[in-house]
């Protein structure tokens, strides 16, 4: 991480996540009703992967769909700050974004992140694009509609990362629909990577790309 401030904020997130895992275990079947209270983060493995991906690819515009409480926002913002890019993060919950804003400011990364509040599909429609790297990590029933909205604005050789492809198990019907929608787009190369809760890594390749 680029600074002691970023590392300190990340440790706060990790401590919160550890405490919340205890609470989630105690809730059992009542967890779904209280799910908006929890971080439900991508986790350190996927976080490190995304951080390294941004540093290597150096995307100019990064889009995060699902700010939540800002765990992945912090990691993406830290990487983007080092490469001179910009992070746009979207969420429908104002209280979650307020928490994320405070944490990003505490980490000294406020100037790197643009927060947008509202419906993801509508917000994507208003953004001119293009997006060079996208993290898709919202409720899984929205994955296909978000893909349809952002795909026309995904840059050539742009990268799309979708979380929760393996876990939780109850989301697999929506995950299958999303992966089928990916396969129907002929200029996307895509694969499942079994780290964290499973991510789908998709890259847009123009048919005339000499690297094919």
Protein backbone atom coordinates (compact mmCIF):
# COMPACT_ATOMS: atom_id res chain seq x y z
CA UNK A 1 0.00 0.00 0.00
CA UNK A 2 1.15 3.49 -0.84
CA UNK A 3 1.07 5.06 2.66
CA UNK A 4 0.75 4.38 6.35
CA UNK A 5 -2.66 6.11 6.25
CA UNK A 6 -3.97 3.63 3.67
CA UNK A 7 -2.53 0.68 5.59
CA UNK A 8 -4.09 1.93 8.82
CA UNK A 9 -7.55 2.28 7.24
CA UNK A 10 -7.26 -1.17 5.68
CA UNK A 11 -6.49 -2.63 9.12
CA UNK A 12 -9.68 -0.97 10.39
CA UNK A 13 -11.65 -2.71 7.66
CA UNK A 14 -10.04 -6.06 8.45
CA UNK A 15 -10.81 -5.66 12.16
CA UNK A 16 -14.44 -4.79 11.39
CA UNK A 17 -14.75 -7.78 9.07
CA UNK A 18 -13.35 -10.16 11.70
CA UNK A 19 -15.81 -8.87 14.29
CA UNK A 20 -18.71 -9.09 11.86
CA UNK A 21 -17.94 -12.71 11.04
CA UNK A 22 -18.64 -13.51 14.68
CA UNK A 23 -21.97 -11.67 14.52
CA UNK A 24 -22.92 -13.35 11.23
CA UNK A 25 -22.24 -16.79 12.69
CA UNK A 26 -24.54 -15.98 15.60
CA UNK A 27 -27.35 -14.77 13.30
CA UNK A 28 -27.57 -17.99 11.30
CA UNK A 29 -30.66 -17.96 9.08
CA UNK A 30 -31.46 -14.37 10.06
CA UNK A 31 -28.34 -13.14 8.23
CA UNK A 32 -30.11 -12.24 4.99
CA UNK A 33 -32.44 -9.81 6.75
CA UNK A 34 -29.44 -7.99 8.24
CA UNK A 35 -27.03 -8.27 5.31
CA UNK A 36 -26.89 -4.50 4.67
CA UNK A 37 -25.28 -4.03 8.07
CA UNK A 38 -22.16 -5.97 7.10
CA UNK A 39 -19.10 -5.24 4.99
CA UNK A 40 -19.35 -8.47 2.95
CA UNK A 41 -15.98 -7.54 1.40
CA UNK A 42 -14.15 -9.04 -1.55
CA UNK A 43 -11.48 -10.11 0.94
CA UNK A 44 -7.69 -9.76 0.97
CA UNK A 45 -6.95 -12.26 -1.83
CA UNK A 46 -9.21 -10.66 -4.41
CA UNK A 47 -8.28 -7.23 -3.08
CA UNK A 48 -4.57 -7.89 -3.64
CA UNK A 49 -5.33 -9.28 -7.10
CA UNK A 50 -7.29 -6.17 -8.11
CA UNK A 51 -4.66 -3.86 -6.64
CA UNK A 52 -1.93 -5.58 -8.65
CA UNK A 53 -4.11 -5.61 -11.77
CA UNK A 54 -4.58 -1.85 -11.64
CA UNK A 55 -0.87 -1.26 -11.07
CA UNK A 56 -0.01 -3.50 -14.04
CA UNK A 57 -2.71 -2.38 -16.49
CA UNK A 58 -2.75 1.31 -15.49
CA UNK A 59 -6.39 1.91 -16.47
CA UNK A 60 -7.34 5.55 -16.95
CA UNK A 61 -10.92 5.17 -15.70
CA UNK A 62 -11.91 2.49 -13.19
CA UNK A 63 -15.56 1.81 -12.36
CA UNK A 64 -16.69 0.13 -9.16
CA UNK A 65 -20.31 -1.02 -9.06
CA UNK A 66 -21.11 -1.49 -5.39
CA UNK A 67 -19.25 0.95 -3.13
CA UNK A 68 -20.83 -0.61 -0.04
CA UNK A 69 -18.75 0.48 2.97
CA UNK A 70 -15.63 1.10 0.87
CA UNK A 71 -13.38 -1.93 1.42
CA UNK A 72 -12.65 -2.53 -2.27
CA UNK A 73 -12.94 1.22 -2.94
CA UNK A 74 -9.91 1.76 -0.71
CA UNK A 75 -7.81 -0.83 -2.52
CA UNK A 76 -8.77 0.40 -5.99
CA UNK A 77 -8.26 4.05 -5.02
CA UNK A 78 -4.82 3.32 -3.60
CA UNK A 79 -3.74 1.63 -6.82
CA UNK A 80 -5.30 4.29 -9.07
CA UNK A 81 -3.58 7.03 -7.07
CA UNK A 82 -0.25 5.43 -7.93
CA UNK A 83 -0.99 5.15 -11.67
CA UNK A 84 -2.61 8.55 -12.25
CA UNK A 85 -6.07 7.19 -13.04
CA UNK A 86 -9.51 7.91 -11.68
CA UNK A 87 -11.98 5.76 -9.75
CA UNK A 88 -15.75 6.16 -10.15
CA UNK A 89 -17.72 4.24 -7.55
CA UNK A 90 -21.50 3.76 -7.52
CA UNK A 91 -23.97 2.62 -4.90
CA UNK A 92 -27.65 3.02 -4.10
CA UNK A 93 -27.23 3.28 -0.29
CA UNK A 94 -26.34 6.76 0.93
CA UNK A 95 -25.33 5.63 4.43
CA UNK A 96 -22.86 3.12 3.02
CA UNK A 97 -21.29 5.69 0.73
CA UNK A 98 -21.09 8.17 3.60
CA UNK A 99 -19.06 5.64 5.59
CA UNK A 100 -16.88 4.89 2.56
CA UNK A 101 -16.28 8.60 1.92
CA UNK A 102 -15.07 9.10 5.47
CA UNK A 103 -12.70 6.14 5.27
CA UNK A 104 -11.33 7.21 1.88
CA UNK A 105 -10.75 10.71 3.24
CA UNK A 106 -9.00 9.28 6.29
CA UNK A 107 -6.70 7.36 3.94
CA UNK A 108 -5.85 10.58 2.07
CA UNK A 109 -7.39 9.40 -1.20
CA UNK A 110 -10.43 11.68 -1.50
CA UNK A 111 -9.13 13.41 -4.63
CA UNK A 112 -8.86 10.09 -6.46
CA UNK A 113 -12.47 8.92 -6.08
CA UNK A 114 -15.73 10.18 -7.58
CA UNK A 115 -18.75 8.93 -5.63
CA UNK A 116 -22.07 8.55 -7.48
CA UNK A 117 -25.27 7.70 -5.64
CA UNK A 118 -28.25 6.05 -7.29
CA UNK A 119 -29.39 3.20 -9.51
CA UNK A 120 -26.35 1.60 -11.14
CA UNK A 121 -27.90 1.08 -14.60
CA UNK A 122 -29.16 4.68 -14.73
CA UNK A 123 -25.82 6.07 -13.54
CA UNK A 124 -23.89 4.03 -16.10
CA UNK A 125 -26.21 5.36 -18.79
CA UNK A 126 -25.37 8.95 -17.84
CA UNK A 127 -21.60 8.36 -17.84
CA UNK A 128 -19.96 8.95 -21.23
CA UNK A 129 -17.35 6.26 -20.65
CA UNK A 130 -15.16 4.57 -21.57
CA UNK A 131 -14.32 2.30 -18.66
CA UNK A 132 -10.93 0.60 -18.72
CA UNK A 133 -11.48 -1.64 -15.69
CA UNK A 134 -14.73 -2.49 -13.93
CA UNK A 135 -15.41 -4.25 -10.63
CA UNK A 136 -18.94 -5.65 -10.50
CA UNK A 137 -19.88 -6.43 -6.89
CA UNK A 138 -23.52 -5.65 -6.21
CA UNK A 139 -26.57 -7.84 -5.67
CA UNK A 140 -26.24 -10.67 -8.16
CA UNK A 141 -29.69 -10.29 -9.69
CA UNK A 142 -28.43 -7.00 -11.15
CA UNK A 143 -25.31 -8.42 -12.82
CA UNK A 144 -26.85 -9.02 -16.25
CA UNK A 145 -28.56 -5.62 -16.47
CA UNK A 146 -25.34 -3.90 -15.38
CA UNK A 147 -23.36 -5.87 -17.96
CA UNK A 148 -25.79 -4.77 -20.68
CA UNK A 149 -25.43 -1.15 -19.60
CA UNK A 150 -21.65 -1.02 -19.25
CA UNK A 151 -20.58 -3.32 -22.10
CA UNK A 152 -20.94 -0.68 -24.85
CA UNK A 153 -18.71 1.61 -22.76
CA UNK A 154 -16.01 -0.98 -21.99
CA UNK A 155 -12.84 0.07 -23.77
CA UNK A 156 -10.93 -2.13 -26.18
CA UNK A 157 -8.88 -4.49 -23.99
CA UNK A 158 -10.96 -3.26 -21.05
CA UNK A 159 -11.21 -5.61 -18.06
CA UNK A 160 -14.37 -6.64 -16.22
CA UNK A 161 -14.10 -8.42 -12.85
CA UNK A 162 -17.23 -9.87 -11.23
CA UNK A 163 -17.15 -11.14 -7.65
CA UNK A 164 -19.08 -13.97 -5.93
CA UNK A 165 -18.97 -16.42 -8.81
CA UNK A 166 -18.60 -19.46 -6.52
CA UNK A 167 -19.94 -18.31 -3.17
CA UNK A 168 -22.48 -17.73 -1.77
CA UNK A 169 -24.15 -20.84 -3.15
CA UNK A 170 -27.65 -19.32 -3.13
CA UNK A 171 -26.56 -16.77 -5.79
CA UNK A 172 -25.50 -19.40 -8.34
CA UNK A 173 -28.66 -19.20 -10.50
CA UNK A 174 -27.98 -15.49 -11.09
CA UNK A 175 -24.28 -16.22 -11.59
CA UNK A 176 -25.09 -18.77 -14.30
CA UNK A 177 -27.25 -16.19 -16.09
CA UNK A 178 -24.42 -13.67 -15.92
CA UNK A 179 -21.82 -16.10 -17.25
CA UNK A 180 -24.15 -17.10 -20.08
CA UNK A 181 -24.60 -13.42 -20.96
CA UNK A 182 -20.81 -13.05 -21.09
CA UNK A 183 -20.47 -16.00 -23.46
CA UNK A 184 -22.97 -14.42 -25.84
CA UNK A 185 -20.65 -11.43 -26.34
CA UNK A 186 -18.23 -12.59 -29.02
CA UNK A 187 -15.48 -10.07 -28.32
CA UNK A 188 -15.14 -11.02 -24.64
CA UNK A 189 -12.58 -13.54 -23.44
CA UNK A 190 -13.59 -14.76 -19.99
CA UNK A 191 -12.50 -17.21 -17.30
CA UNK A 192 -13.37 -18.19 -13.74
CA UNK A 193 -10.61 -17.70 -11.17
CA UNK A 194 -11.08 -19.59 -7.87
CA UNK A 195 -9.76 -17.02 -5.41
CA UNK A 196 -11.77 -15.49 -2.60
CA UNK A 197 -15.41 -16.26 -3.30
CA UNK A 198 -14.63 -16.74 -6.98
CA UNK A 199 -14.19 -14.05 -9.62
CA UNK A 200 -14.96 -13.98 -13.32
CA UNK A 201 -12.26 -12.13 -15.26
CA UNK A 202 -13.37 -10.92 -18.68
CA UNK A 203 -11.36 -8.95 -21.25
CA UNK A 204 -12.75 -7.19 -24.31
CA UNK A 205 -10.86 -8.03 -27.46
CA UNK A 206 -11.59 -6.23 -30.72
CA UNK A 207 -11.90 -8.82 -33.56
CA UNK A 208 -9.14 -7.01 -35.45
CA UNK A 209 -6.74 -7.03 -32.50
CA UNK A 210 -3.40 -8.37 -33.77
CA UNK A 211 -2.76 -10.03 -30.40
CA UNK A 212 -5.52 -12.59 -31.05
